[in-house]
Protein backbone atom coordinates (compact mmCIF):
# COMPACT_ATOMS: atom_id res chain seq x y z
CA MET A 1 14.85 -22.64 -8.68
CA PRO A 2 13.02 -24.67 -11.37
CA SER A 3 13.42 -23.53 -14.95
CA PRO A 4 10.37 -21.60 -16.23
CA SER A 5 9.49 -24.42 -18.64
CA ASN A 6 9.16 -26.85 -15.73
CA VAL A 7 7.05 -24.61 -13.50
CA PRO A 8 3.36 -25.50 -13.33
CA ALA A 9 1.02 -22.73 -14.43
CA ASN A 10 -1.96 -24.06 -12.48
CA VAL A 11 -0.78 -23.18 -8.95
CA PRO A 12 -2.24 -19.84 -7.78
CA PRO A 13 -0.14 -17.50 -5.63
CA ARG A 14 -0.08 -18.28 -1.94
CA VAL A 15 0.19 -14.85 -0.33
CA VAL A 16 1.99 -14.99 3.00
CA TRP A 17 1.69 -11.33 4.00
CA THR A 18 2.03 -7.78 2.80
CA TYR A 19 5.63 -7.37 1.72
CA HIS A 20 5.16 -3.60 1.76
CA GLY A 21 3.16 -0.71 0.43
CA SER A 22 4.97 1.80 -1.78
CA ALA A 23 4.64 5.58 -1.78
CA LEU A 24 6.12 8.25 -4.02
CA VAL A 25 7.46 11.26 -2.11
CA ARG A 26 9.16 14.42 -3.32
CA ASP A 27 11.64 14.49 -0.41
CA TYR A 28 12.66 11.19 1.18
CA HIS A 29 14.48 12.74 4.13
CA GLY A 30 11.64 15.21 4.77
CA ALA A 31 9.14 12.35 4.72
CA VAL A 32 11.21 10.34 7.21
CA ARG A 33 11.41 13.33 9.55
CA GLN A 34 7.71 14.20 9.49
CA LEU A 35 6.36 10.65 9.58
CA GLY A 36 8.91 9.65 12.20
CA ARG A 37 7.77 12.44 14.48
CA LEU A 38 4.09 11.94 13.70
CA ILE A 39 3.64 8.14 13.72
CA GLY A 40 6.99 6.60 14.64
CA LEU A 41 8.11 5.65 11.13
CA ARG A 42 11.58 4.07 11.21
CA PRO A 43 13.86 3.50 8.19
CA ILE A 44 15.01 -0.12 8.12
CA GLU A 45 17.00 0.06 4.87
CA VAL A 46 17.87 2.85 2.47
CA SER A 47 19.70 3.03 -0.83
CA ASP A 48 20.20 5.33 -3.80
CA SER A 49 19.72 3.27 -6.95
CA ASN A 50 20.22 4.26 -10.59
CA ASP A 51 18.69 1.01 -11.86
CA PRO A 52 15.98 2.24 -14.27
CA MET A 53 13.44 -0.15 -12.73
CA ILE A 54 14.16 1.18 -9.21
CA ALA A 55 15.69 4.63 -9.87
CA ARG A 56 15.08 6.10 -6.46
CA LEU A 57 16.49 7.37 -3.21
CA GLY A 58 14.65 5.62 -0.42
CA GLY A 59 13.84 2.22 0.89
CA MET A 60 11.83 0.25 3.38
CA THR A 61 10.51 1.83 6.53
CA TRP A 62 8.55 0.35 9.42
CA ILE A 63 5.27 1.65 10.81
CA ALA A 64 3.77 -0.22 13.78
CA ASP A 65 3.54 -3.71 12.26
CA ASN A 66 4.31 -3.40 8.58
CA SER A 67 6.61 -2.03 5.94
CA VAL A 68 6.23 0.97 3.65
CA GLU A 69 8.67 1.78 0.88
CA LEU A 70 9.33 5.50 0.44
CA VAL A 71 10.40 6.38 -3.10
CA GLU A 72 11.97 9.69 -4.08
CA PRO A 73 12.56 9.52 -7.87
CA THR A 74 16.13 10.39 -8.88
CA VAL A 75 16.48 9.40 -12.55
CA PRO A 76 14.30 11.48 -14.90
CA GLU A 77 13.80 8.64 -17.36
CA GLY A 78 13.31 6.04 -14.62
CA GLY A 79 10.04 4.36 -13.79
CA PRO A 80 9.41 6.21 -10.48
CA ALA A 81 10.00 9.63 -12.09
CA ARG A 82 7.61 8.82 -14.92
CA MET A 83 5.02 7.66 -12.40
CA MET A 84 5.48 10.81 -10.30
CA ALA A 85 4.91 12.90 -13.44
CA SER A 86 1.77 10.88 -14.16
CA ILE A 87 0.07 10.60 -10.77
CA GLY A 88 2.03 12.83 -8.37
CA PRO A 89 3.12 11.81 -4.85
CA GLY A 90 1.27 9.26 -2.76
CA MET A 91 0.64 5.54 -2.48
CA PHE A 92 1.03 3.74 -5.79
CA CYS A 93 1.79 0.04 -5.29
CA LEU A 94 1.04 -2.91 -3.05
CA ALA A 95 3.68 -5.62 -2.78
CA LEU A 96 2.65 -9.12 -1.71
CA GLN A 97 4.97 -11.76 -0.28
CA VAL A 98 4.41 -15.18 -1.87
CA ASP A 99 5.92 -18.54 -1.03
CA ASN A 100 6.91 -19.48 -4.60
CA LEU A 101 7.72 -16.75 -7.08
CA ALA A 102 8.27 -19.01 -10.10
CA GLU A 103 4.83 -20.58 -9.69
CA THR A 104 3.34 -17.14 -9.14
CA LYS A 105 4.90 -15.84 -12.36
CA ALA A 106 3.61 -18.81 -14.35
CA TRP A 107 0.13 -18.42 -12.90
CA LEU A 108 -0.04 -14.67 -13.58
CA GLU A 109 1.12 -15.10 -17.16
CA SER A 110 -1.40 -17.88 -17.68
CA ARG A 111 -4.04 -15.34 -16.62
CA HIS A 112 -2.79 -12.85 -19.25
CA ALA A 113 -1.03 -10.57 -16.79
CA ARG A 114 2.26 -9.32 -18.18
CA VAL A 115 5.14 -9.68 -15.73
CA VAL A 116 8.17 -7.37 -15.51
CA GLY A 117 11.38 -8.41 -13.77
CA LYS A 118 13.64 -11.40 -13.32
CA LEU A 119 13.06 -14.35 -11.03
CA GLU A 120 16.62 -14.20 -9.72
CA GLN A 121 15.89 -10.74 -8.28
CA GLU A 122 13.17 -12.40 -6.18
CA PHE A 123 10.57 -9.75 -7.00
CA LEU A 124 8.36 -9.07 -10.02
CA PHE A 125 5.75 -6.52 -11.09
CA THR A 126 2.55 -7.05 -13.04
CA HIS A 127 1.61 -4.50 -15.66
CA PRO A 128 -1.20 -2.33 -14.25
CA LYS A 129 -3.02 -2.37 -17.60
CA ASP A 130 -3.53 -6.10 -17.00
CA THR A 131 -4.58 -5.72 -13.37
CA ALA A 132 -7.46 -3.22 -13.58
CA GLY A 133 -5.04 -0.28 -13.29
CA ILE A 134 -3.76 -1.42 -9.89
CA TYR A 135 0.02 -1.70 -9.63
CA LEU A 136 1.08 -4.89 -7.82
CA GLU A 137 4.46 -6.34 -6.88
CA TRP A 138 5.09 -9.99 -6.05
CA ALA A 139 8.11 -11.02 -3.98
CA ALA A 140 9.68 -14.03 -2.34
CA GLN A 141 12.45 -12.32 -0.42
CA ALA A 142 13.51 -12.74 3.17
CA PHE A 143 15.76 -9.86 4.15
CA THR A 144 17.03 -11.09 7.48
CA GLU A 145 19.39 -8.12 7.73
CA TRP A 146 16.59 -5.54 7.99
CA ASP A 147 13.08 -7.05 7.99
CA PRO A 148 11.71 -7.51 11.53
CA ARG A 149 9.55 -10.38 10.28
CA ALA A 150 12.76 -12.19 9.37
CA GLY A 151 14.32 -11.56 12.78
CA ALA A 152 16.02 -8.20 12.26
CA ALA A 153 16.07 -5.78 15.16
CA LEU A 154 14.15 -2.54 14.76
CA PRO A 155 16.16 0.66 15.14
CA PRO A 156 15.15 2.69 18.18
CA LEU A 157 12.67 5.53 17.91
CA ALA A 158 14.23 8.97 17.91
CA SER A 159 11.41 10.10 20.22
CA PRO A 160 7.92 8.88 21.15
CA PRO A 161 5.57 9.53 18.22
CA LEU A 162 2.80 12.09 18.53
CA ILE A 163 0.23 9.46 17.49
CA ASN A 164 0.33 5.86 18.67
CA VAL A 165 -0.35 3.66 15.62
CA LEU A 166 -1.27 0.09 16.52
CA ARG A 167 -1.03 -1.33 13.01
CA ILE A 168 -1.58 -0.64 9.35
CA ASP A 169 -5.22 -1.59 9.22
CA HIS A 170 -5.75 -1.69 5.48
CA TRP A 171 -4.52 -0.59 2.07
CA GLY A 172 -6.93 0.90 -0.44
CA ALA A 173 -7.21 1.10 -4.21
CA LEU A 174 -9.61 2.95 -6.49
CA ALA A 175 -11.46 0.86 -9.07
CA GLU A 176 -12.75 2.03 -12.46
CA ASN A 177 -15.14 -0.91 -12.86
CA PRO A 178 -15.85 -2.13 -9.33
CA GLN A 179 -17.15 -5.67 -9.84
CA ALA A 180 -14.79 -6.38 -12.76
CA THR A 181 -11.87 -5.19 -10.63
CA LEU A 182 -12.79 -7.52 -7.79
CA ALA A 183 -13.17 -10.39 -10.25
CA ARG A 184 -9.74 -9.63 -11.74
CA MET A 185 -8.13 -9.55 -8.30
CA GLN A 186 -9.67 -12.96 -7.63
CA GLU A 187 -8.22 -14.29 -10.88
CA LEU A 188 -4.76 -13.12 -9.87
CA TRP A 189 -4.82 -14.76 -6.46
CA PRO A 190 -7.60 -16.48 -4.50
CA ALA A 191 -7.63 -14.19 -1.47
CA PRO A 192 -10.50 -14.62 0.98
CA VAL A 193 -13.13 -11.96 0.21
CA LEU A 194 -14.20 -10.49 3.54
CA TRP A 195 -17.08 -8.52 2.04
CA ASN A 196 -18.46 -7.36 -1.28
CA ASP A 197 -21.23 -4.78 -1.06
CA MET A 198 -21.95 -2.30 -3.82
CA THR A 199 -24.42 -0.43 -1.61
CA THR A 200 -21.53 0.87 0.49
CA PRO A 201 -21.25 4.69 0.40
CA ILE A 202 -18.74 6.06 -2.10
CA ASP A 203 -16.35 7.09 0.69
CA ARG A 204 -16.11 3.56 2.12
CA PRO A 205 -14.63 0.38 0.59
CA TYR A 206 -17.06 -1.87 -1.24
CA ALA A 207 -14.85 -4.97 -1.01
CA GLY A 208 -12.06 -6.29 1.18
CA LEU A 209 -9.55 -9.06 0.54
CA TRP A 210 -7.48 -10.70 3.27
CA VAL A 211 -3.73 -10.68 2.51
CA GLY A 212 -2.42 -12.65 5.46
CA ASP A 213 -1.62 -9.78 7.82
CA GLY A 214 -4.25 -7.20 6.95
CA VAL A 215 -6.77 -6.17 4.34
CA PHE A 216 -6.59 -4.86 0.78
CA THR A 217 -9.72 -2.85 0.07
CA LEU A 218 -11.36 -1.58 -3.11
CA TYR A 219 -13.12 1.76 -3.46
CA ARG A 220 -15.22 3.13 -6.31
CA ILE A 221 -13.80 6.12 -8.17
CA PRO A 222 -15.94 9.22 -7.48
CA ASP A 223 -18.03 10.54 -10.35
CA SER A 224 -16.34 13.94 -10.62
CA GLU A 225 -13.03 15.66 -9.97
CA ASP A 226 -14.69 17.87 -7.36
CA GLU A 227 -15.98 14.80 -5.50
CA MET A 228 -12.56 13.18 -5.81
CA GLU A 229 -10.95 16.23 -4.26
CA ARG A 230 -13.52 16.39 -1.47
CA LEU A 231 -13.04 12.74 -0.52
CA TRP A 232 -9.33 12.20 -1.18
CA GLY A 233 -7.65 15.58 -1.66
CA ILE A 234 -6.64 14.96 -5.27
CA ARG A 235 -8.50 15.64 -8.50
CA GLN A 236 -7.17 12.92 -10.79
CA ARG A 237 -9.75 10.18 -11.29
CA ARG A 238 -7.99 6.94 -12.15
CA ALA A 239 -7.61 3.41 -10.87
CA ARG A 240 -4.61 3.05 -8.55
CA VAL A 241 -3.46 2.08 -5.09
CA HIS A 242 -4.19 5.30 -3.24
CA LEU A 243 -4.66 4.79 0.50
CA MET A 244 -3.00 3.63 3.70
CA SER A 245 -5.32 3.35 6.70
CA LEU A 246 -3.85 3.41 10.20
CA LEU A 247 -5.44 1.94 13.33
CA VAL A 248 -4.72 4.19 16.31
CA ASP A 249 -5.40 3.74 19.99
CA ASP A 250 -6.90 7.21 20.57
CA LEU A 251 -8.53 8.96 17.62
CA LEU A 252 -9.55 11.98 19.69
CA ALA A 253 -5.91 12.55 20.64
CA ALA A 254 -4.91 12.10 17.02
CA GLU A 255 -7.46 14.72 15.99
CA ALA A 256 -5.86 17.16 18.45
CA VAL A 257 -2.43 16.41 16.96
CA PHE A 258 -3.70 17.23 13.48
CA ARG A 259 -4.85 20.63 14.71
CA SER A 260 -1.58 21.39 16.50
CA GLU A 261 0.51 20.24 13.51
CA ASN A 262 -1.58 22.16 10.95
CA ILE A 263 -2.63 18.97 9.18
CA ARG A 264 -5.99 19.59 7.57
CA ILE A 265 -8.81 17.11 8.03
CA LEU A 266 -10.54 16.42 4.71
CA ARG A 267 -13.47 14.67 6.32
CA GLY A 268 -14.52 12.75 9.38
CA SER A 269 -13.94 13.20 13.10
CA ALA A 270 -13.10 11.20 16.18
CA SER A 271 -16.81 10.80 16.90
CA ASP A 272 -17.26 9.28 13.43
CA GLY A 273 -14.48 6.77 14.11
CA LEU A 274 -12.71 7.79 10.90
CA ILE A 275 -10.59 10.74 9.78
CA VAL A 276 -9.01 11.32 6.38
CA THR A 277 -6.25 13.93 6.37
CA HIS A 278 -5.22 16.14 3.48
CA PRO A 279 -2.39 14.57 1.46
CA ASP A 280 -0.72 17.94 0.85
CA ASP A 281 0.00 18.19 4.59
CA VAL A 282 1.48 14.67 4.98
CA GLN A 283 4.03 14.20 2.19
CA GLY A 284 1.38 13.70 -0.48
CA LEU A 285 0.06 10.56 1.24
CA ILE A 286 -3.67 9.92 1.49
CA LEU A 287 -4.04 8.59 5.03
CA ALA A 288 -7.12 7.35 6.86
CA TRP A 289 -7.07 7.14 10.64
CA SER A 290 -9.43 5.07 12.74
CA ASP A 291 -9.78 3.49 16.16
CA ARG A 292 -11.92 0.69 14.70
CA ALA A 293 -10.63 -2.18 12.58
CA VAL A 294 -12.05 -2.42 9.09
CA GLN A 295 -14.83 -4.98 8.92
CA GLY A 296 -14.33 -8.69 8.52
CA GLN A 297 -10.78 -9.19 9.71
CA ALA A 298 -11.02 -9.71 13.47
CA SER A 299 -11.47 -13.47 13.31
CA LEU A 300 -8.63 -13.87 10.82
CA TRP A 301 -6.05 -12.24 13.10
CA ASP A 302 -6.31 -15.25 15.38
CA LYS A 303 -5.55 -17.82 12.67
């Protein structure tokens, strides 16, 4: 790997795909059981780390076509525990796979984004205060021993899931200053912008960025805590990665599963083509469910 002094700072990150989304959970094993039964989540690696930067029981899991890290904080002074105390359970980070981490680090720092971590670990984090409040990880790892994209075999399903998820359709983040947030994301990496429309209703994403294997979307923060709770099931109004949206083959059947499993529907219905379930009933995760791909990405799947 080139020494940092020899790495050019004028090469923007080339994002290959979503490395994973990350979610804080209060009970790792409980989350694996419920999400395994519900949507076929499969653990592909698990560890119990006391490293203050990791400080969690959990690891990578696989849902349909992509990876989600489940994080149960274990060290009170560790980063995950502090974040749980600050924002509670739920999605909190998006990790992007890049093809050159040293160049990515140099580029991010040249754009005044503080970077935490060491290159030799093959993953870094940018400080959310420098990225519009959105917590991002950047990685150049290829875990052939457990990542299906690197040739690893998936463990078998314990049983057929109740809901057939075709893929993780998009990740979502709440933005404090919508247009400034989109501009900052574009400074960090030149992702194709699939759409940018501030007339979009508050419950739908106003912008979407292609990340190689899906879409990272931006939502406006609701104006009040009551509106925040109505739309997303939480009251805290702050910028953050907050949402995982799942594309399913039969939304009407999924709606029936929610009723039978006592999972409350916050809003939407099968006839609307979109359902958001209550995070308190699904491990603290804000999940959107749809049988229609988010706009703008169909043509990119074929590239």
